[in-house]
Amino acid sequence: MIQNERDILDLIGLAGENNTNLILFRAENFAPEFYDLKSGLAGMILQKFSNYLITAAIVGDFTNVSQRFREMIGECNRGNQLRFFENIKQATEWLTK
């Protein structure tokens, strides 16, 4: 479970040790605070992805997130750093393109 900065940095370190910059997450891998933009956790994680040149996909059901979080998903899905997907097949196709 990704709950704080240390958790994401540890994961980024493992990616580096395995010579990859691609990470696939399930939505439930993140603490509930990730989905509350006021907590700052999502912004901090996005910044770490940018700083360390990580490309990530998050797979899950995002129908129950806030409107603001849905807006963030829309913004992310227009870029190439992080995208949100409904299924693993879509996510892996995007990550491996």
C-alpha atoms as a PDB file:
ATOM      1  CA  MET A   1       0.000   0.000   0.000  1.00  0.00           C
ATOM      2  CA  ILE A   2       1.340   3.403  -1.013  1.00  0.00           C
ATOM      3  CA  GLN A   3       0.648   5.633   1.995  1.00  0.00           C
ATOM      4  CA  ASN A   4       3.432   8.197   1.974  1.00  0.00           C
ATOM      5  CA  GLU A   5       6.526   9.566   0.275  1.00  0.00           C
ATOM      6  CA  ARG A   6       8.799   6.828   1.619  1.00  0.00           C
ATOM      7  CA  ASP A   7       6.577   4.118   0.109  1.00  0.00           C
ATOM      8  CA  ILE A   8       6.652   5.628  -3.385  1.00  0.00           C
ATOM      9  CA  LEU A   9      10.394   6.322  -3.214  1.00  0.00           C
ATOM     10  CA  ASP A  10      11.028   2.705  -2.199  1.00  0.00           C
ATOM     11  CA  LEU A  11       8.977   1.522  -5.173  1.00  0.00           C
ATOM     12  CA  ILE A  12      10.770   3.878  -7.559  1.00  0.00           C
ATOM     13  CA  GLY A  13      14.064   2.545  -6.201  1.00  0.00           C
ATOM     14  CA  LEU A  14      12.960  -1.023  -6.895  1.00  0.00           C
ATOM     15  CA  ALA A  15      12.007  -0.038 -10.433  1.00  0.00           C
ATOM     16  CA  GLY A  16      15.482   1.403 -10.932  1.00  0.00           C
ATOM     17  CA  GLU A  17      17.120  -1.723  -9.528  1.00  0.00           C
ATOM     18  CA  ASN A  18      15.148  -3.711 -12.108  1.00  0.00           C
ATOM     19  CA  ASN A  19      16.128  -1.382 -14.958  1.00  0.00           C
ATOM     20  CA  THR A  20      12.621  -0.154 -15.683  1.00  0.00           C
ATOM     21  CA  ASN A  21      10.763   3.109 -15.506  1.00  0.00           C
ATOM     22  CA  LEU A  22       7.343   1.494 -16.062  1.00  0.00           C
ATOM     23  CA  ILE A  23       5.027   0.749 -13.138  1.00  0.00           C
ATOM     24  CA  LEU A  24       1.524  -0.734 -13.174  1.00  0.00           C
ATOM     25  CA  PHE A  25      -0.643  -0.187 -10.097  1.00  0.00           C
ATOM     26  CA  ARG A  26      -4.057  -1.364  -9.043  1.00  0.00           C
ATOM     27  CA  ALA A  27      -6.216   1.394  -7.603  1.00  0.00           C
ATOM     28  CA  GLU A  28      -6.324  -0.403  -4.251  1.00  0.00           C
ATOM     29  CA  ASN A  29      -2.508  -0.117  -3.989  1.00  0.00           C
ATOM     30  CA  PHE A  30      -3.032   3.473  -2.856  1.00  0.00           C
ATOM     31  CA  ALA A  31      -4.209   4.657   0.549  1.00  0.00           C
ATOM     32  CA  PRO A  32      -7.621   6.367   0.552  1.00  0.00           C
ATOM     33  CA  GLU A  33      -5.841   9.709   1.036  1.00  0.00           C
ATOM     34  CA  PHE A  34      -4.504   9.430  -2.520  1.00  0.00           C
ATOM     35  CA  TYR A  35      -8.039   9.971  -3.816  1.00  0.00           C
ATOM     36  CA  ASP A  36      -8.552  13.050  -1.636  1.00  0.00           C
ATOM     37  CA  LEU A  37      -6.681  15.801  -3.464  1.00  0.00           C
ATOM     38  CA  LYS A  38      -6.662  17.951  -0.321  1.00  0.00           C
ATOM     39  CA  SER A  39      -4.277  15.459   1.314  1.00  0.00           C
ATOM     40  CA  GLY A  40      -1.531  16.269  -1.198  1.00  0.00           C
ATOM     41  CA  LEU A  41      -0.556  12.605  -1.582  1.00  0.00           C
ATOM     42  CA  ALA A  42      -1.563  12.376  -5.260  1.00  0.00           C
ATOM     43  CA  GLY A  43       0.323  15.561  -6.129  1.00  0.00           C
ATOM     44  CA  MET A  44       3.436  14.409  -4.315  1.00  0.00           C
ATOM     45  CA  ILE A  45       3.354  11.051  -6.105  1.00  0.00           C
ATOM     46  CA  LEU A  46       2.868  12.703  -9.490  1.00  0.00           C
ATOM     47  CA  GLN A  47       5.836  14.956  -8.764  1.00  0.00           C
ATOM     48  CA  LYS A  48       8.006  11.945  -7.907  1.00  0.00           C
ATOM     49  CA  PHE A  49       7.016  10.264 -11.183  1.00  0.00           C
ATOM     50  CA  SER A  50       8.034  13.410 -13.031  1.00  0.00           C
ATOM     51  CA  ASN A  51      11.305  13.832 -11.121  1.00  0.00           C
ATOM     52  CA  TYR A  52      12.363  10.210 -11.616  1.00  0.00           C
ATOM     53  CA  LEU A  53      10.993   9.832 -15.185  1.00  0.00           C
ATOM     54  CA  ILE A  54       8.547   7.101 -14.193  1.00  0.00           C
ATOM     55  CA  THR A  55       5.716   6.129 -16.522  1.00  0.00           C
ATOM     56  CA  ALA A  56       2.830   4.647 -14.560  1.00  0.00           C
ATOM     57  CA  ALA A  57      -0.631   3.256 -15.133  1.00  0.00           C
ATOM     58  CA  ILE A  58      -3.299   2.852 -12.471  1.00  0.00           C
ATOM     59  CA  VAL A  59      -6.041   0.306 -13.087  1.00  0.00           C
ATOM     60  CA  GLY A  60      -9.345   0.385 -11.277  1.00  0.00           C
ATOM     61  CA  ASP A  61     -12.898   1.591 -10.954  1.00  0.00           C
ATOM     62  CA  PHE A  62     -12.859   5.351 -10.508  1.00  0.00           C
ATOM     63  CA  THR A  63     -16.606   5.964 -10.609  1.00  0.00           C
ATOM     64  CA  ASN A  64     -16.784   6.734  -6.885  1.00  0.00           C
ATOM     65  CA  VAL A  65     -14.038   9.367  -6.767  1.00  0.00           C
ATOM     66  CA  SER A  66     -14.741  13.078  -6.449  1.00  0.00           C
ATOM     67  CA  GLN A  67     -15.397  15.310  -9.428  1.00  0.00           C
ATOM     68  CA  ARG A  68     -12.060  17.053  -8.809  1.00  0.00           C
ATOM     69  CA  PHE A  69     -10.239  13.728  -8.872  1.00  0.00           C
ATOM     70  CA  ARG A  70     -12.022  12.817 -12.124  1.00  0.00           C
ATOM     71  CA  GLU A  71     -10.796  16.120 -13.545  1.00  0.00           C
ATOM     72  CA  MET A  72      -7.248  15.186 -12.522  1.00  0.00           C
ATOM     73  CA  ILE A  73      -7.692  11.799 -14.235  1.00  0.00           C
ATOM     74  CA  GLY A  74      -8.723  13.620 -17.404  1.00  0.00           C
ATOM     75  CA  GLU A  75      -5.634  15.824 -17.246  1.00  0.00           C
ATOM     76  CA  CYS A  76      -3.328  12.874 -16.569  1.00  0.00           C
ATOM     77  CA  ASN A  77      -4.833  10.844 -19.402  1.00  0.00           C
ATOM     78  CA  ARG A  78      -3.917  13.587 -21.863  1.00  0.00           C
ATOM     79  CA  GLY A  79      -0.255  13.214 -20.926  1.00  0.00           C
ATOM     80  CA  ASN A  80       2.352  10.477 -21.061  1.00  0.00           C
ATOM     81  CA  GLN A  81       3.524  10.284 -17.431  1.00  0.00           C
ATOM     82  CA  LEU A  82       0.532   8.705 -15.689  1.00  0.00           C
ATOM     83  CA  ARG A  83      -2.733   7.342 -17.004  1.00  0.00           C
ATOM     84  CA  PHE A  84      -5.770   5.734 -15.446  1.00  0.00           C
ATOM     85  CA  PHE A  85      -7.413   2.661 -16.987  1.00  0.00           C
ATOM     86  CA  GLU A  86     -10.421   0.444 -16.389  1.00  0.00           C
ATOM     87  CA  ASN A  87      -8.574  -2.792 -17.122  1.00  0.00           C
ATOM     88  CA  ILE A  88      -5.092  -4.279 -17.114  1.00  0.00           C
ATOM     89  CA  LYS A  89      -5.106  -5.038 -20.839  1.00  0.00           C
ATOM     90  CA  GLN A  90      -5.530  -1.358 -21.744  1.00  0.00           C
ATOM     91  CA  ALA A  91      -2.879  -0.335 -19.215  1.00  0.00           C
ATOM     92  CA  THR A  92      -0.271  -2.845 -20.370  1.00  0.00           C
ATOM     93  CA  GLU A  93      -0.877  -1.946 -24.025  1.00  0.00           C
ATOM     94  CA  TRP A  94      -0.253   1.720 -23.204  1.00  0.00           C
ATOM     95  CA  LEU A  95       2.812   1.007 -21.052  1.00  0.00           C
ATOM     96  CA  THR A  96       4.408  -1.231 -23.667  1.00  0.00           C
ATOM     97  CA  LYS A  97       3.655   0.879 -26.763  1.00  0.00           C
END
